[in-house]
């Protein structure tokens, strides 16, 4: 039998243990969120290290249980590890997206801050609507991003076709197809960009060439324009250069074709046929005159020759005997008859002539 003192001591001890256990449980309940955060941080290490240093599982509202198996403790830690891994994946994706945005912005800024002028071009820089007076040479360069731009202007020689209509001095419409060879000097690229929008050929060159051609065509007939193509070309080139030589170098102008109306072409063709026929008739007339003059000259020559021969025979009677001897072959007859009835015989005086050996 226990004494009353022992019973009282046992009751007091039990009450003290109960109180201490309850206080410990309340303390663990207070520390539980901090412990969970610590366990989440531990998941950054390999799984085996987390299992090695895992905190024993317990219930925040009950007493501490240090006798649970390790398999149960690992099973209790798996949901926290999966949640932490999910949070880590979301943070990594957010960081990658942010890094991609930063790289994209940097690339755009770098592309806007640089420019490249290709060979055969010169650049005109425009900053917030203001044109830089100095052109940009070919190659790589820097500019103010997002507010400045560089417009390339070609300075190579170009050949552009042009068709224009004009009127001749006889009020005939003439269509002329041209090819204009020109080149923009690099010193004029800024001025041309400022004063002439778009293609400089359409806004500057073509109107001046058409104007010069009309001035030249107005001084000539349609037929003359067709016949004197080279003359029209030279005067058109000279007039165009006088108008825009301070802006652009006009290298050459070539006339490809000159087209007239059908009626005018038919009239010119008929006129050319008539001129050819007249020229042919004139040639025939001139030929006849030449032949007649030739016959007259020939007759005069023959008459003059006969006259000279007669005078020679008259002045030299022995010339006949000499001619007879030159033509004689050394045989008789010595008598030559006139032949026929009533003819007379002629005795040649050959008594003193001896045949030459």
Protein backbone atom coordinates (compact mmCIF):
# COMPACT_ATOMS: atom_id res chain seq x y z
CA UNK A 1 0.00 0.00 0.00
CA UNK A 2 1.18 3.44 -0.87
CA UNK A 3 1.21 6.04 1.73
CA UNK A 4 -0.82 9.21 1.26
CA UNK A 5 2.41 11.14 0.77
CA UNK A 6 3.47 8.86 -2.12
CA UNK A 7 0.08 9.16 -3.73
CA UNK A 8 0.22 12.93 -3.47
CA UNK A 9 3.76 12.98 -4.93
CA UNK A 10 2.71 10.74 -7.85
CA UNK A 11 -0.25 12.96 -8.66
CA UNK A 12 1.91 16.04 -8.59
CA UNK A 13 4.48 14.38 -10.90
CA UNK A 14 1.79 13.34 -13.37
CA UNK A 15 0.38 16.85 -13.42
CA UNK A 16 3.82 18.29 -14.00
CA UNK A 17 4.52 15.90 -16.91
CA UNK A 18 1.16 16.72 -18.46
CA UNK A 19 1.79 20.43 -18.22
CA UNK A 20 5.28 20.13 -19.72
CA UNK A 21 4.00 17.96 -22.58
CA UNK A 22 1.26 20.46 -23.41
CA UNK A 23 3.75 23.35 -23.37
CA UNK A 24 6.07 21.43 -25.69
CA UNK A 25 3.21 20.78 -28.11
CA UNK A 26 2.31 24.47 -28.17
CA UNK A 27 5.96 25.37 -28.82
CA UNK A 28 6.15 22.96 -31.76
CA UNK A 29 2.97 24.40 -33.18
CA UNK A 30 4.58 27.83 -33.13
CA UNK A 31 7.79 26.61 -34.81
CA UNK A 32 6.05 24.51 -37.48
CA UNK A 33 5.92 27.18 -40.30
CA UNK A 34 9.62 27.94 -39.88
CA UNK A 35 10.47 24.26 -40.02
CA UNK A 36 8.43 23.84 -43.23
CA UNK A 37 10.34 26.67 -44.90
CA UNK A 38 13.62 25.10 -43.82
CA UNK A 39 12.58 21.76 -45.30
CA UNK A 40 11.66 23.47 -48.59
CA UNK A 41 15.10 25.04 -48.76
CA UNK A 42 16.64 21.65 -48.19
CA UNK A 43 15.00 20.31 -51.37
CA UNK A 44 17.53 22.26 -53.43
CA UNK A 45 20.01 19.52 -52.54
CA UNK A 46 19.76 15.95 -53.88
CA UNK A 47 16.92 13.79 -52.57
CA UNK A 48 19.22 11.60 -50.54
CA UNK A 49 20.52 14.58 -48.55
CA UNK A 50 16.99 15.79 -47.86
CA UNK A 51 16.07 12.33 -46.58
CA UNK A 52 19.17 12.22 -44.45
CA UNK A 53 18.47 15.51 -42.66
CA UNK A 54 14.67 15.35 -42.76
CA UNK A 55 12.81 16.55 -39.66
CA UNK A 56 10.76 13.85 -37.97
CA UNK A 57 7.10 14.08 -38.81
CA UNK A 58 4.75 15.07 -36.02
CA UNK A 59 1.34 16.52 -35.47
CA UNK A 60 1.30 20.18 -34.44
CA UNK A 61 -1.61 19.52 -32.08
CA UNK A 62 -0.27 16.35 -30.42
CA UNK A 63 2.84 15.18 -28.67
CA UNK A 64 6.14 14.74 -30.42
CA UNK A 65 6.62 11.34 -32.02
CA UNK A 66 10.28 10.49 -32.55
CA UNK A 67 9.69 6.80 -33.07
CA UNK A 68 8.04 6.98 -36.63
CA UNK A 69 9.84 4.97 -39.35
CA UNK A 70 11.98 6.82 -41.91
CA UNK A 71 9.73 5.60 -44.78
CA UNK A 72 6.77 7.37 -43.23
CA UNK A 73 8.82 10.52 -42.74
CA UNK A 74 9.93 10.48 -46.43
CA UNK A 75 6.36 9.92 -47.56
CA UNK A 76 5.26 12.94 -45.57
CA UNK A 77 8.00 15.11 -47.15
CA UNK A 78 7.14 14.28 -50.81
CA UNK A 79 4.20 16.72 -51.20
CA UNK A 80 6.36 19.60 -50.01
CA UNK A 81 9.14 18.64 -52.46
CA UNK A 82 6.73 18.51 -55.44
CA UNK A 83 5.28 21.89 -54.53
CA UNK A 84 8.75 23.41 -54.24
CA UNK A 85 9.77 21.96 -57.62
CA UNK A 86 6.66 23.47 -59.21
CA UNK A 87 7.50 26.85 -57.70
CA UNK A 88 11.06 26.56 -58.97
CA UNK A 89 9.86 25.75 -62.52
CA UNK A 90 7.59 28.78 -62.56
CA UNK A 91 10.37 31.04 -61.36
CA UNK A 92 12.79 29.63 -63.97
CA UNK A 93 10.27 30.17 -66.76
CA UNK A 94 9.66 33.72 -65.58
CA UNK A 95 13.39 34.41 -65.50
CA UNK A 96 13.87 32.96 -69.02
CA UNK A 97 11.00 35.04 -70.40
CA UNK A 98 12.42 38.16 -68.81
CA UNK A 99 15.88 37.41 -70.18
CA UNK A 100 14.43 36.86 -73.67
CA UNK A 101 12.60 40.18 -73.52
CA UNK A 102 15.78 41.97 -72.45
CA UNK A 103 17.79 40.36 -75.28
CA UNK A 104 15.09 41.23 -77.83
CA UNK A 105 15.04 44.86 -76.70
CA UNK A 106 18.85 45.03 -76.87
CA UNK A 107 18.89 43.57 -80.40
CA UNK A 108 16.25 46.05 -81.60
CA UNK A 109 18.14 48.93 -80.01
CA UNK A 110 21.42 47.79 -81.60
CA UNK A 111 19.81 47.48 -85.04
CA UNK A 112 18.28 50.94 -84.71
CA UNK A 113 21.59 52.44 -83.63
CA UNK A 114 23.57 51.21 -86.67
CA UNK A 115 23.30 51.49 -90.46
CA UNK A 116 25.12 50.15 -93.53
CA UNK A 117 25.40 52.06 -96.83
CA UNK A 118 25.96 49.64 -99.72
CA UNK A 119 28.53 50.25 -102.50
CA UNK A 120 27.21 52.54 -105.22
CA UNK A 121 25.00 54.45 -102.78
CA UNK A 122 25.25 57.44 -100.48
CA UNK A 123 23.15 57.93 -97.36
CA UNK A 124 21.03 60.89 -96.29
CA UNK A 125 20.40 61.01 -92.52
CA UNK A 126 17.07 62.35 -91.27
CA UNK A 127 16.69 62.99 -87.52
CA UNK A 128 13.20 63.91 -86.32
CA UNK A 129 12.41 65.44 -89.72
CA UNK A 130 15.69 67.36 -90.01
CA UNK A 131 18.08 66.45 -92.84
CA UNK A 132 21.79 66.25 -92.08
CA UNK A 133 23.65 68.47 -94.61
CA UNK A 134 26.52 65.97 -94.94
CA UNK A 135 25.93 62.73 -96.84
CA UNK A 136 26.94 59.37 -95.39
CA UNK A 137 29.62 57.45 -97.32
CA UNK A 138 29.34 53.76 -98.04
CA UNK A 139 30.06 51.39 -95.17
CA UNK A 140 29.05 50.90 -91.52
CA UNK A 141 28.04 53.73 -89.20
CA UNK A 142 26.22 54.67 -86.00
CA UNK A 143 23.12 56.80 -85.55
CA UNK A 144 20.68 57.78 -82.85
CA UNK A 145 18.31 54.82 -82.32
CA UNK A 146 14.56 55.14 -82.99
CA UNK A 147 14.76 58.84 -83.96
CA UNK A 148 17.23 58.87 -86.89
CA UNK A 149 17.07 57.06 -90.23
CA UNK A 150 19.48 56.83 -93.19
CA UNK A 151 17.95 56.85 -96.70
CA UNK A 152 20.17 55.33 -99.46
CA UNK A 153 20.49 57.31 -102.73
CA UNK A 154 22.08 55.55 -105.79
CA UNK A 155 25.02 57.30 -107.46
CA UNK A 156 25.73 54.66 -110.13
CA UNK A 157 25.12 55.43 -113.80
CA UNK A 158 21.58 54.51 -114.76
CA UNK A 159 19.84 54.06 -118.12
CA UNK A 160 16.12 54.80 -118.14
CA UNK A 161 13.77 54.67 -121.18
CA UNK A 162 11.53 57.64 -121.90
CA UNK A 163 8.74 58.19 -124.44
CA UNK A 164 7.60 61.74 -125.14
CA UNK A 165 5.28 63.48 -127.61
CA UNK A 166 6.15 66.69 -129.46
CA UNK A 167 5.01 68.76 -132.45
CA UNK A 168 7.09 69.70 -135.48
CA UNK A 169 7.19 73.06 -137.21
CA UNK A 170 4.52 71.87 -139.68
CA UNK A 171 2.22 70.99 -136.73
CA UNK A 172 2.65 67.24 -137.04
CA UNK A 173 2.63 65.08 -133.90
CA UNK A 174 5.81 63.08 -133.41
CA UNK A 175 6.36 60.33 -130.82
CA UNK A 176 10.00 59.86 -129.82
CA UNK A 177 11.41 56.97 -127.77
CA UNK A 178 14.60 57.86 -125.91
CA UNK A 179 17.08 56.34 -123.50
CA UNK A 180 18.62 58.70 -120.97
CA UNK A 181 21.96 57.85 -119.35
CA UNK A 182 22.57 59.84 -116.16
CA UNK A 183 24.40 59.75 -112.83
CA UNK A 184 23.78 61.63 -109.55
CA UNK A 185 26.94 63.26 -108.10
CA UNK A 186 27.49 62.42 -104.45
CA UNK A 187 27.63 66.12 -103.63
CA UNK A 188 24.02 66.53 -104.84
CA UNK A 189 22.32 63.64 -103.03
CA UNK A 190 21.25 65.72 -100.01
CA UNK A 191 19.90 68.59 -102.12
CA UNK A 192 18.04 66.28 -104.48
CA UNK A 193 16.46 64.44 -101.51
CA UNK A 194 15.38 67.72 -99.94
CA UNK A 195 14.01 69.42 -103.07
CA UNK A 196 12.74 66.51 -105.20
CA UNK A 197 10.72 63.75 -103.60
CA UNK A 198 10.68 60.22 -104.98
CA UNK A 199 12.69 59.05 -107.97
CA UNK A 200 14.84 61.94 -109.30
CA UNK A 201 14.35 60.73 -112.87
CA UNK A 202 10.58 61.08 -112.75
CA UNK A 203 10.57 64.35 -110.82
CA UNK A 204 13.60 66.11 -112.34
CA UNK A 205 15.18 64.52 -115.42
CA UNK A 206 12.22 63.37 -117.53
CA UNK A 207 10.46 66.78 -117.58
CA UNK A 208 13.67 68.57 -118.58
CA UNK A 209 14.45 66.11 -121.39
CA UNK A 210 10.91 66.39 -122.76
CA UNK A 211 11.10 70.17 -122.64
CA UNK A 212 14.42 70.26 -124.50
CA UNK A 213 13.14 67.85 -127.17
CA UNK A 214 10.02 69.95 -127.78
CA UNK A 215 12.17 73.04 -128.25
CA UNK A 216 14.29 71.23 -130.84
CA UNK A 217 11.33 69.67 -132.69
CA UNK A 218 9.48 72.98 -132.97
CA UNK A 219 12.22 74.29 -135.28
CA UNK A 220 12.06 71.39 -137.77
CA UNK A 221 9.50 69.69 -139.94
CA UNK A 222 8.46 66.14 -139.19
CA UNK A 223 10.34 64.91 -142.23
CA UNK A 224 13.47 66.72 -141.10
CA UNK A 225 13.19 65.25 -137.61
CA UNK A 226 13.16 61.77 -139.11
CA UNK A 227 16.05 62.48 -141.45
CA UNK A 228 18.29 64.34 -138.95
CA UNK A 229 18.12 62.05 -135.91
CA UNK A 230 21.70 62.68 -134.85
CA UNK A 231 21.26 66.43 -135.08
CA UNK A 232 18.08 66.28 -132.97
CA UNK A 233 19.82 64.08 -130.41
CA UNK A 234 22.82 66.39 -130.00
CA UNK A 235 20.69 69.51 -129.58
CA UNK A 236 18.37 67.75 -127.10
CA UNK A 237 21.35 66.60 -125.03
CA UNK A 238 22.84 70.09 -125.02
CA UNK A 239 19.55 71.67 -123.95
CA UNK A 240 19.01 69.14 -121.15
CA UNK A 241 22.50 69.63 -119.75
CA UNK A 242 21.99 73.39 -119.72
CA UNK A 243 18.87 72.96 -117.57
CA UNK A 244 20.02 70.46 -114.88
CA UNK A 245 23.80 70.18 -115.06
CA UNK A 246 24.13 71.65 -111.56
CA UNK A 247 22.13 68.74 -110.10
CA UNK A 248 22.74 65.69 -112.27
CA UNK A 249 25.29 64.55 -114.85
CA UNK A 250 23.51 63.68 -118.11
CA UNK A 251 25.94 61.26 -119.75
CA UNK A 252 24.11 60.73 -123.05
CA UNK A 253 20.73 60.59 -124.78
CA UNK A 254 19.99 58.07 -127.53
CA UNK A 255 17.00 58.11 -129.90
CA UNK A 256 15.57 54.61 -130.18
CA UNK A 257 12.61 55.28 -132.48
CA UNK A 258 10.67 58.14 -134.08
CA UNK A 259 7.02 57.40 -134.84
CA UNK A 260 4.81 59.56 -137.08
CA UNK A 261 1.10 59.37 -137.84
CA UNK A 262 0.02 56.93 -140.55
CA UNK A 263 -1.15 59.70 -142.86
CA UNK A 264 2.13 61.55 -142.50
CA UNK A 265 4.15 58.41 -143.08
CA UNK A 266 2.13 57.67 -146.24
CA UNK A 267 2.65 61.23 -147.50
CA UNK A 268 6.37 61.09 -146.82
CA UNK A 269 6.61 57.72 -148.53
CA UNK A 270 4.75 59.02 -151.62
CA UNK A 271 6.97 62.06 -151.73
CA UNK A 272 10.05 59.90 -151.51
CA UNK A 273 8.76 57.76 -154.39
CA UNK A 274 8.19 60.87 -156.51
CA UNK A 275 11.61 62.17 -155.69
CA UNK A 276 13.14 58.86 -156.64
CA UNK A 277 11.26 58.82 -159.96
CA UNK A 278 12.31 62.41 -160.67
CA UNK A 279 15.86 61.55 -159.85
CA UNK A 280 15.65 58.56 -162.17
CA UNK A 281 14.25 60.68 -165.03
CA UNK A 282 16.91 63.28 -164.45
CA UNK A 283 19.52 60.58 -164.57
CA UNK A 284 18.15 59.26 -167.84
CA UNK A 285 18.14 62.77 -169.31
CA UNK A 286 21.64 63.41 -168.19
CA UNK A 287 22.68 60.08 -169.65
CA UNK A 288 21.11 60.94 -173.02
CA UNK A 289 22.79 64.31 -173.04
CA UNK A 290 26.09 62.72 -172.25
CA UNK A 291 25.65 60.15 -175.03
CA UNK A 292 24.70 62.88 -177.55
CA UNK A 293 27.63 64.98 -176.56
CA UNK A 294 29.83 61.95 -176.87
CA UNK A 295 28.56 61.26 -180.43
CA UNK A 296 29.08 64.88 -181.43
CA UNK A 297 32.53 64.86 -180.06
CA UNK A 298 33.25 61.58 -181.83
CA UNK A 299 31.93 62.92 -185.19
CA UNK A 300 33.89 66.09 -184.82
CA UNK A 301 36.93 64.03 -184.12
CA UNK A 302 36.43 61.87 -187.20
CA UNK A 303 35.81 64.92 -189.44
CA UNK A 304 38.86 66.60 -188.12
CA UNK A 305 40.83 63.44 -188.75
CA UNK A 306 39.60 63.27 -192.37
CA UNK A 307 40.43 66.90 -192.94
CA UNK A 308 43.90 66.45 -191.59
CA UNK A 309 44.40 63.36 -193.77
CA UNK A 310 43.22 65.19 -196.90
CA UNK A 311 45.55 68.07 -196.28
CA UNK A 312 48.38 65.63 -195.77
CA UNK A 313 47.67 63.88 -199.10
CA UNK A 314 47.37 67.19 -200.87
CA UNK A 315 50.66 68.42 -199.59
CA UNK A 316 52.46 65.08 -200.09
CA UNK A 317 51.43 63.25 -203.33
CA UNK A 318 53.92 60.47 -202.82
CA UNK A 319 52.16 59.53 -199.58
CA UNK A 320 49.64 57.49 -201.60
CA UNK A 321 52.41 55.47 -203.24
CA UNK A 322 53.90 54.88 -199.80
CA UNK A 323 50.62 53.58 -198.45
CA UNK A 324 50.21 51.29 -201.49
CA UNK A 325 53.66 49.88 -201.02
CA UNK A 326 53.06 49.35 -197.31
CA UNK A 327 49.93 47.36 -198.11
CA UNK A 328 51.33 45.49 -201.22
CA UNK A 329 52.20 41.82 -200.69
CA UNK A 330 54.68 41.65 -203.61
CA UNK A 331 52.41 39.96 -206.18
CA UNK A 332 50.72 41.19 -209.36
CA UNK A 333 48.25 42.27 -210.67
CA UNK A 334 49.81 45.51 -211.55
CA UNK A 335 46.56 46.65 -213.17
CA UNK A 336 43.58 47.29 -211.01
CA UNK A 337 40.19 47.50 -212.71
CA UNK A 338 37.08 49.20 -211.55
CA UNK A 339 35.06 46.06 -212.31
CA UNK A 340 31.79 45.76 -214.22
CA UNK A 341 30.79 47.31 -217.52
CA UNK A 342 32.12 50.71 -218.26
CA UNK A 343 34.80 50.25 -215.63
CA UNK A 344 38.26 51.64 -216.13
CA UNK A 345 41.61 50.07 -215.49
CA UNK A 346 44.30 51.78 -213.55
CA UNK A 347 47.96 51.05 -214.20
CA UNK A 348 50.00 51.43 -211.09
CA UNK A 349 53.33 53.19 -211.65
CA UNK A 350 55.52 50.54 -210.06
CA UNK A 351 58.41 50.58 -212.48
CA UNK A 352 60.90 52.00 -210.10
CA UNK A 353 59.70 50.12 -206.97
CA UNK A 354 61.72 47.21 -205.83
CA UNK A 355 60.65 44.77 -203.20
CA UNK A 356 62.70 44.94 -200.15
CA UNK A 357 64.47 41.71 -199.30
